[in-house]
Protein backbone atom coordinates (compact mmCIF):
# COMPACT_ATOMS: atom_id res chain seq x y z
CA MET A 1 40.96 2.40 -4.81
CA ALA A 2 37.91 2.64 -2.53
CA THR A 3 39.36 5.68 -0.78
CA GLN A 4 39.87 7.47 -4.10
CA LEU A 5 36.25 6.83 -5.18
CA GLU A 6 34.61 7.98 -1.97
CA PRO A 7 34.97 11.77 -2.55
CA ALA A 8 33.53 11.43 -6.05
CA ALA A 9 30.62 9.37 -4.72
CA ARG A 10 29.95 11.98 -2.05
CA SER A 11 30.12 14.71 -4.67
CA ASP A 12 27.53 12.91 -6.85
CA ASP A 13 25.24 12.45 -3.85
CA GLU A 14 25.61 16.09 -2.85
CA ALA A 15 24.91 17.23 -6.40
CA PHE A 16 21.77 15.10 -6.57
CA ARG A 17 20.65 16.33 -3.16
CA ALA A 18 21.08 19.91 -4.37
CA GLU A 19 19.02 19.06 -7.45
CA VAL A 20 16.19 17.72 -5.28
CA GLN A 21 16.31 20.79 -3.03
CA GLN A 22 16.11 23.10 -6.05
CA PHE A 23 13.21 21.09 -7.47
CA LEU A 24 11.31 21.39 -4.18
CA ALA A 25 11.97 25.13 -3.95
CA GLN A 26 10.58 25.63 -7.45
CA ASN A 27 7.64 23.20 -7.41
CA PHE A 28 6.35 22.40 -3.91
CA PRO A 29 3.71 24.89 -2.65
CA GLN A 30 4.09 25.65 1.06
CA GLU A 31 0.32 25.44 1.59
CA LEU A 32 0.53 21.70 0.81
CA LYS A 33 3.02 21.13 3.63
CA GLY A 34 1.94 18.24 5.82
CA LYS A 35 -0.85 17.10 3.51
CA GLY A 36 -1.19 13.50 2.37
CA ASN A 37 -1.32 11.66 -0.92
CA LEU A 38 -4.84 11.58 -2.36
CA LEU A 39 -3.99 8.54 -4.49
CA ALA A 40 -2.74 6.46 -1.57
CA GLY A 41 -6.08 6.10 0.23
CA VAL A 42 -9.25 4.22 -0.58
CA ASP A 43 -11.65 6.42 1.37
CA GLY A 44 -12.60 8.99 -1.23
CA PRO A 45 -12.33 10.16 -4.83
CA THR A 46 -9.28 12.00 -6.08
CA GLU A 47 -10.35 15.65 -6.16
CA GLU A 48 -7.17 17.67 -6.57
CA SER A 49 -6.82 21.40 -6.18
CA PRO A 50 -4.89 23.14 -8.99
CA LYS A 51 -1.76 23.24 -6.82
CA GLN A 52 -2.07 19.57 -5.87
CA GLU A 53 -2.42 18.69 -9.54
CA ALA A 54 0.60 20.81 -10.48
CA TRP A 55 2.67 19.14 -7.73
CA ARG A 56 1.65 15.66 -8.89
CA LYS A 57 2.54 16.46 -12.49
CA ALA A 58 5.91 17.94 -11.54
CA VAL A 59 6.90 14.83 -9.56
CA GLY A 60 5.43 12.50 -12.19
CA GLU A 61 7.31 14.10 -15.06
CA ARG A 62 10.62 13.30 -13.35
CA GLY A 63 9.51 9.83 -12.32
CA TRP A 64 10.38 10.65 -8.73
CA GLY A 65 7.13 9.19 -7.39
CA THR A 66 8.47 5.79 -8.44
CA PRO A 67 12.18 6.64 -8.32
CA THR A 68 13.72 3.18 -8.75
CA TRP A 69 11.37 2.01 -11.53
CA PRO A 70 12.91 1.83 -15.04
CA LYS A 71 13.09 5.17 -16.81
CA GLU A 72 11.88 3.64 -20.07
CA TYR A 73 8.46 3.09 -18.48
CA GLY A 74 8.20 6.47 -16.79
CA GLY A 75 10.04 5.74 -13.53
CA GLY A 76 13.00 7.68 -12.22
CA GLY A 77 15.63 5.10 -13.11
CA LEU A 78 17.47 6.07 -9.92
CA THR A 79 19.48 4.10 -7.40
CA LYS A 80 18.12 3.14 -3.98
CA LYS A 81 20.50 5.68 -2.46
CA GLN A 82 19.10 8.46 -4.65
CA ALA A 83 15.57 7.37 -3.75
CA ARG A 84 16.47 7.73 -0.06
CA ILE A 85 17.80 11.23 -0.74
CA ILE A 86 14.47 12.15 -2.32
CA ASP A 87 12.62 10.81 0.73
CA GLN A 88 14.92 12.72 3.08
CA GLU A 89 14.63 16.04 1.26
CA PHE A 90 10.86 15.74 0.85
CA ALA A 91 10.54 15.06 4.58
CA LYS A 92 12.64 18.10 5.49
CA VAL A 93 10.18 20.50 3.84
CA GLY A 94 7.01 18.56 4.71
CA ALA A 95 6.41 17.46 1.11
CA TYR A 96 4.49 14.29 0.33
CA ASN A 97 4.92 11.91 -2.60
CA PRO A 98 1.81 12.58 -4.74
CA ILE A 99 2.19 9.33 -6.70
CA GLY A 100 0.79 6.23 -5.04
CA GLY A 101 -2.11 3.86 -4.57
CA MET A 102 -2.48 0.22 -5.56
CA GLY A 103 -0.86 0.85 -8.92
CA VAL A 104 2.40 1.74 -7.18
CA MET A 105 2.17 -0.56 -4.17
CA MET A 106 1.02 -3.77 -5.84
CA PHE A 107 0.14 -3.85 -9.51
CA GLY A 108 3.08 -1.92 -10.98
CA PRO A 109 5.87 -4.04 -9.44
CA THR A 110 4.01 -7.20 -10.45
CA LEU A 111 3.50 -6.05 -14.04
CA LEU A 112 7.16 -5.09 -14.32
CA GLU A 113 7.98 -8.72 -13.52
CA TYR A 114 5.29 -10.60 -15.45
CA GLY A 115 3.86 -8.23 -18.04
CA SER A 116 4.62 -8.08 -21.76
CA GLU A 117 6.50 -5.10 -23.16
CA GLU A 118 3.27 -3.82 -24.66
CA GLN A 119 1.51 -4.02 -21.30
CA LYS A 120 4.37 -2.31 -19.48
CA HIS A 121 4.46 0.59 -21.95
CA GLU A 122 0.67 0.94 -21.80
CA HIS A 123 0.07 0.73 -18.04
CA ILE A 124 3.25 1.67 -16.16
CA PRO A 125 3.71 5.29 -17.39
CA PRO A 126 0.22 6.42 -16.24
CA ILE A 127 0.93 4.86 -12.84
CA CYS A 128 4.23 6.76 -12.60
CA ARG A 129 2.40 10.01 -13.45
CA GLY A 130 -0.46 9.34 -11.02
CA GLU A 131 -3.06 9.47 -13.78
CA ILE A 132 -4.76 6.10 -13.24
CA ARG A 133 -6.37 4.68 -10.11
CA TRP A 134 -6.37 0.88 -9.80
CA CYS A 135 -8.39 -1.48 -7.60
CA GLN A 136 -7.96 -5.15 -6.76
CA GLY A 137 -10.38 -7.95 -7.72
CA TYR A 138 -9.36 -10.85 -5.51
CA SER A 139 -11.70 -11.87 -2.66
CA GLU A 140 -15.17 -13.29 -3.31
CA PRO A 141 -18.07 -14.15 -0.95
CA ASN A 142 -16.86 -17.78 -0.78
CA ALA A 143 -13.19 -17.15 -1.46
CA GLY A 144 -11.57 -15.09 1.28
CA SER A 145 -8.98 -17.01 3.27
CA ASP A 146 -9.24 -19.79 0.67
CA LEU A 147 -8.57 -17.38 -2.18
CA ALA A 148 -7.94 -20.14 -4.72
CA ASN A 149 -11.65 -21.04 -4.41
CA ILE A 150 -12.62 -18.08 -6.64
CA GLN A 151 -15.53 -18.77 -9.01
CA THR A 152 -15.63 -15.61 -11.17
CA PHE A 153 -15.32 -17.21 -14.60
CA ALA A 154 -13.76 -15.95 -17.82
CA GLU A 155 -15.09 -17.84 -20.85
CA ASP A 156 -12.74 -17.98 -23.84
CA LYS A 157 -14.37 -16.43 -26.90
CA GLY A 158 -11.40 -16.46 -29.27
CA ASP A 159 -9.85 -12.99 -29.21
CA HIS A 160 -11.51 -12.06 -25.89
CA TYR A 161 -13.03 -13.42 -22.69
CA ILE A 162 -16.53 -12.94 -21.29
CA VAL A 163 -16.32 -12.53 -17.51
CA ASN A 164 -19.15 -13.26 -15.06
CA GLY A 165 -18.96 -13.30 -11.28
CA GLN A 166 -18.64 -11.25 -8.12
CA LYS A 167 -15.78 -9.79 -6.08
CA THR A 168 -16.04 -8.33 -2.59
CA TRP A 169 -13.94 -6.02 -0.40
CA THR A 170 -12.85 -4.18 -3.54
CA SER A 171 -10.93 -1.31 -1.94
CA GLY A 172 -11.75 2.02 -3.60
CA GLY A 173 -13.65 0.26 -6.38
CA GLN A 174 -16.21 3.06 -6.71
CA TRP A 175 -13.44 5.53 -7.61
CA ALA A 176 -11.07 3.29 -9.58
CA ASP A 177 -10.43 3.53 -13.31
CA LYS A 178 -9.18 -0.02 -13.76
CA CYS A 179 -9.08 -3.34 -11.92
CA PHE A 180 -6.45 -6.09 -11.77
CA ALA A 181 -8.16 -9.36 -10.97
CA ILE A 182 -7.70 -13.09 -10.72
CA VAL A 183 -10.45 -15.07 -12.46
CA ARG A 184 -11.08 -18.72 -13.23
CA THR A 185 -10.43 -19.90 -16.78
CA ASP A 186 -10.52 -23.64 -16.03
CA LYS A 187 -13.03 -25.17 -13.62
CA SER A 188 -11.23 -28.53 -13.46
CA ASP A 189 -8.06 -27.33 -11.70
CA LYS A 190 -8.26 -25.25 -8.50
CA HIS A 191 -4.87 -23.50 -8.69
CA ASN A 192 -3.78 -23.93 -12.31
CA GLY A 193 -7.19 -22.88 -13.56
CA ILE A 194 -6.72 -19.25 -12.49
CA SER A 195 -5.62 -16.38 -14.77
CA PHE A 196 -4.66 -12.76 -14.11
CA MET A 197 -6.62 -10.12 -16.05
CA LEU A 198 -7.01 -6.36 -16.34
CA MET A 199 -10.46 -4.79 -16.64
CA ASP A 200 -11.85 -1.32 -17.18
CA MET A 201 -14.22 -0.31 -14.36
CA GLN A 202 -16.28 1.76 -16.81
CA ASP A 203 -16.93 -1.17 -19.14
CA PRO A 204 -20.56 -2.32 -19.66
CA GLY A 205 -21.49 -5.01 -17.16
CA VAL A 206 -19.34 -3.74 -14.28
CA GLU A 207 -21.41 -2.73 -11.23
CA VAL A 208 -20.01 -1.45 -7.93
CA ARG A 209 -21.87 -1.29 -4.59
CA PRO A 210 -20.04 0.39 -1.65
CA ILE A 211 -20.04 -1.39 1.73
CA THR A 212 -20.47 0.82 4.83
CA MET A 213 -17.96 -0.08 7.54
CA ILE A 214 -18.12 0.20 11.34
CA SER A 215 -15.75 3.17 11.05
CA GLY A 216 -18.48 5.12 9.22
CA THR A 217 -16.66 5.12 5.87
CA SER A 218 -17.25 3.07 2.72
CA PRO A 219 -13.80 2.26 1.34
CA PHE A 220 -14.74 -1.25 0.23
CA CYS A 221 -17.20 -2.46 -2.37
CA GLU A 222 -18.99 -5.42 -3.82
CA THR A 223 -18.17 -5.61 -7.52
CA PHE A 224 -20.30 -7.51 -10.03
CA PHE A 225 -19.24 -8.59 -13.52
CA THR A 226 -22.02 -9.45 -15.96
CA ASP A 227 -20.91 -10.48 -19.46
CA VAL A 228 -17.91 -8.15 -19.29
CA LYS A 229 -15.75 -8.32 -22.42
CA VAL A 230 -12.02 -8.52 -21.72
CA PRO A 231 -9.59 -8.52 -24.69
CA LYS A 232 -6.99 -11.31 -24.71
CA GLU A 233 -4.22 -8.69 -24.61
CA ASN A 234 -5.46 -7.76 -21.11
CA ARG A 235 -4.43 -11.14 -19.72
CA VAL A 236 -1.11 -10.87 -17.86
CA GLY A 237 1.09 -13.92 -18.31
CA GLU A 238 -0.13 -17.23 -19.67
CA GLU A 239 -3.57 -18.66 -19.11
CA GLY A 240 -3.42 -20.63 -15.87
CA GLN A 241 -0.50 -18.59 -14.49
CA GLY A 242 -2.78 -16.33 -12.44
CA TRP A 243 -2.23 -18.06 -9.11
CA THR A 244 1.53 -17.60 -9.37
CA ILE A 245 1.22 -13.95 -10.42
CA GLY A 246 -1.51 -13.30 -7.85
CA LYS A 247 0.60 -14.65 -4.98
CA ARG A 248 3.52 -12.47 -6.06
CA LEU A 249 1.29 -9.41 -5.98
CA LEU A 250 0.14 -10.33 -2.47
CA GLN A 251 3.74 -10.28 -1.31
CA HIS A 252 3.98 -6.66 -2.48
CA GLU A 253 0.66 -5.87 -0.77
CA ARG A 254 1.69 -7.43 2.54
CA THR A 255 5.01 -5.60 2.55
CA ASN A 256 3.27 -2.28 1.97
CA ILE A 257 0.52 -2.70 4.56
CA SER A 258 3.00 -3.87 7.17
CA GLY A 259 5.16 -1.62 9.27
CA GLY A 260 7.80 -2.01 6.59
CA GLY A 261 5.68 0.03 4.21
CA ARG A 262 2.54 2.14 4.42
CA LEU A 263 1.83 1.78 8.15
CA ALA A 264 5.22 3.20 9.04
CA SER A 265 4.33 6.47 7.33
CA MET A 266 0.91 6.61 9.01
CA MET A 267 2.14 6.61 12.60
CA GLY A 268 2.75 10.36 12.86
CA ALA A 269 3.83 11.92 16.17
CA SER A 270 5.32 9.75 18.90
CA LEU A 271 2.97 8.47 21.59
CA GLY A 272 5.10 10.21 24.21
CA ASP A 273 4.59 13.63 22.61
CA ILE A 274 0.85 13.02 22.30
CA ALA A 275 0.59 11.83 25.90
CA LYS A 276 2.19 15.03 27.21
CA LYS A 277 -0.69 17.01 25.72
CA TYR A 278 -3.31 14.99 27.59
CA GLY A 279 -1.73 13.77 30.83
CA GLU A 280 -0.31 15.43 33.91
CA LEU A 281 3.45 16.03 34.01
CA ASP A 282 5.77 15.72 36.99
CA ALA A 283 8.44 18.22 38.05
CA LYS A 284 10.84 16.80 35.44
CA GLY A 285 8.35 17.30 32.61
CA GLN A 286 7.66 13.58 32.36
CA LEU A 287 4.30 11.85 32.44
CA ALA A 288 3.14 11.56 36.03
CA ASP A 289 1.35 8.27 35.23
CA LYS A 290 4.29 5.86 35.50
CA VAL A 291 2.32 2.83 34.32
CA LEU A 292 1.24 4.59 31.12
CA ARG A 293 4.76 5.93 30.68
CA ASP A 294 6.14 2.39 30.83
CA LYS A 295 3.56 1.16 28.31
CA ILE A 296 4.47 3.92 25.86
CA ALA A 297 8.21 3.39 26.27
CA ASP A 298 7.82 -0.36 25.78
CA PHE A 299 5.78 0.12 22.63
CA GLU A 300 8.08 2.76 21.09
CA ILE A 301 11.14 0.54 21.68
CA ARG A 302 9.47 -2.49 20.10
CA TRP A 303 8.04 -0.45 17.21
CA ASN A 304 11.36 1.16 16.29
CA SER A 305 13.12 -2.19 16.59
CA PHE A 306 10.53 -3.66 14.25
CA LEU A 307 11.03 -0.85 11.72
CA LEU A 308 14.76 -1.45 11.65
CA THR A 309 14.24 -5.20 11.24
CA ALA A 310 11.64 -4.62 8.52
CA ARG A 311 13.96 -2.29 6.62
CA ARG A 312 16.78 -4.82 6.77
CA ALA A 313 14.53 -7.69 5.68
CA MET A 314 13.11 -5.69 2.79
CA GLU A 315 16.57 -4.66 1.57
CA GLU A 316 17.74 -8.28 1.74
CA SER A 317 14.68 -9.45 -0.20
CA LYS A 318 15.18 -6.80 -2.89
CA ALA A 319 18.84 -7.72 -3.20
CA GLN A 320 17.76 -11.30 -3.89
CA GLY A 321 15.37 -10.23 -6.65
CA GLY A 322 12.33 -8.73 -4.97
CA VAL A 323 9.82 -9.39 -2.24
CA SER A 324 9.62 -12.83 -0.62
CA GLU A 325 7.66 -14.79 1.98
CA ILE A 326 9.28 -12.56 4.62
CA SER A 327 6.45 -10.17 3.72
CA SER A 328 4.14 -12.45 5.72
CA VAL A 329 6.27 -11.95 8.83
CA LEU A 330 6.25 -8.18 8.34
CA LYS A 331 2.52 -8.10 7.69
CA LYS A 332 1.69 -10.20 10.75
CA LEU A 333 3.82 -8.15 13.16
CA GLY A 334 3.31 -4.69 11.66
CA THR A 335 -0.49 -4.82 11.56
CA LYS A 336 -0.71 -6.21 15.09
CA MET A 337 1.50 -3.41 16.40
CA SER A 338 -0.55 -0.76 14.60
CA GLN A 339 -3.65 -2.07 16.38
CA GLU A 340 -1.77 -1.93 19.68
CA ARG A 341 -0.85 1.69 19.02
CA SER A 342 -4.48 2.60 18.35
CA GLU A 343 -5.49 1.06 21.66
CA LEU A 344 -2.79 3.04 23.45
CA LEU A 345 -4.01 6.27 21.84
CA ILE A 346 -7.47 5.65 23.25
CA GLU A 347 -5.99 5.10 26.72
CA ILE A 348 -3.79 8.20 26.47
CA ARG A 349 -6.67 10.49 25.48
CA GLY A 350 -9.18 9.15 27.96
CA PHE A 351 -12.68 10.47 27.24
CA GLN A 352 -11.25 12.59 24.42
CA GLY A 353 -10.25 9.34 22.72
CA LEU A 354 -13.81 8.06 22.54
CA GLY A 355 -15.50 10.76 20.47
CA TRP A 356 -17.54 9.95 17.40
CA GLU A 357 -18.85 13.41 16.54
CA GLY A 358 -19.51 16.78 18.13
CA ASP A 359 -17.82 20.10 18.88
CA GLY A 360 -16.00 18.79 21.95
CA PHE A 361 -13.50 16.82 19.88
CA SER A 362 -10.74 17.83 17.49
CA ASP A 363 -10.53 16.42 13.96
CA GLY A 364 -7.46 14.43 14.97
CA GLU A 365 -9.30 12.84 17.89
CA LEU A 366 -12.28 11.86 15.74
CA GLN A 367 -10.04 10.48 13.01
CA SER A 368 -8.14 8.39 15.57
CA VAL A 369 -11.34 6.71 16.75
CA ARG A 370 -12.30 5.83 13.19
CA ALA A 371 -8.76 4.64 12.49
CA TRP A 372 -8.92 2.45 15.60
CA LEU A 373 -12.08 0.77 14.31
CA PHE A 374 -10.88 0.53 10.73
CA GLY A 375 -7.60 -0.93 11.95
CA LYS A 376 -9.38 -4.05 13.15
CA ALA A 377 -9.46 -5.12 9.51
CA THR A 378 -5.70 -4.90 8.95
CA THR A 379 -5.06 -8.33 10.45
CA ILE A 380 -7.70 -9.76 8.07
CA TYR A 381 -7.25 -8.13 4.66
CA GLY A 382 -4.19 -8.92 2.58
CA GLY A 383 -4.37 -12.41 4.08
CA SER A 384 -5.46 -12.97 7.68
CA THR A 385 -3.01 -13.56 10.53
CA GLU A 386 -3.89 -17.28 10.41
CA ILE A 387 -2.99 -17.39 6.71
CA GLN A 388 0.31 -15.62 7.43
CA ASN A 389 1.06 -18.18 10.16
CA ASN A 390 0.58 -20.99 7.64
CA ILE A 391 2.83 -19.29 5.07
CA ILE A 392 5.52 -18.65 7.68
CA ALA A 393 5.36 -22.27 8.87
CA LYS A 394 5.49 -23.74 5.38
CA ARG A 395 7.64 -21.40 3.33
CA VAL A 396 9.85 -19.61 5.84
CA LEU A 397 10.40 -22.31 8.46
CA GLY A 398 9.94 -25.27 6.08
CA MET A 399 7.81 -27.15 8.59
CA LEU A 400 5.38 -28.67 6.07
CA ASP A 401 5.30 -29.56 2.40
CA HIS A 402 3.53 -27.01 0.22
CA GLN A 403 2.41 -26.65 -3.37
């Protein structure tokens, strides 16, 4: 039976691959080859050119930016295998997925699990079309590692809440349209007194102040809420369920900022190829610096091994119903290795890896220095390495009791 079905399965795959190839030939402009997704970053507003906008709309209309999400909400409704075919064919022509950002990485998957039908139909389609930019209202000045210590309070006013408080490290808050946030609705219970709410960043009482980072950019903000009115229909889940929903969202975030997600796509060219442009080569065309060559080889082996492990772990988690605490393992290892890679890039480039500004440095060299500095935060945001160690000990290894 299996042998008889295999040709048909291959035929379906080949037909879909041909469909993707035809779509790319008709819709992807060659001048966008190699460019990145404007929605995926937090370091600037979304200012699309006409061709970038047309490309985003073309992908969004088919739901191919979120290929495995349900079709009824604007996703592609495709299988994981079809999603991989899309990734493969996009990569072949240098096309990027123009749909992304926190709506895709974190909020969308969480809303699909916990949201009402009304909320899904209202918020998921604009995410799938890349029309809405979301930000995250989690951390506060006195609630970072101890996130459950949040004090931003939502007072029940019948058919709505009045929210007062402050959030910090709001990534891309100055450019976001909406915010998903955890707020306190009960001051008597630390964990069960938290609810998950959606707010409009343009509402009266919302104030955003960008924070300048050591990298020279301002991707994070302080966000202040002063008597902000939030309709009851903008609460996701039941009142007091916010800690459960918020933790689930963090699992999606950690998976995506680990090497199993966003960081894997950020790595670019191999360190060996970059090193050959900066270092001396021997008669065999290899790096003459054997110590550096060993460092690069060691890193590339460990990094590719990690990617394979991350892919397997993510597939196993999805097969069991979604992300799990394994996201903490991926986040801890992936972010640490990305920092290690940045350090190696500095060593490979020598003086050219230390530029901050000036004509003597290429754009790529200057961006790498800023990425190196910005990358110091990756082992802190999304839950610090120490927090991940606790989660791994308690919930993966079962070493201690937990709530």
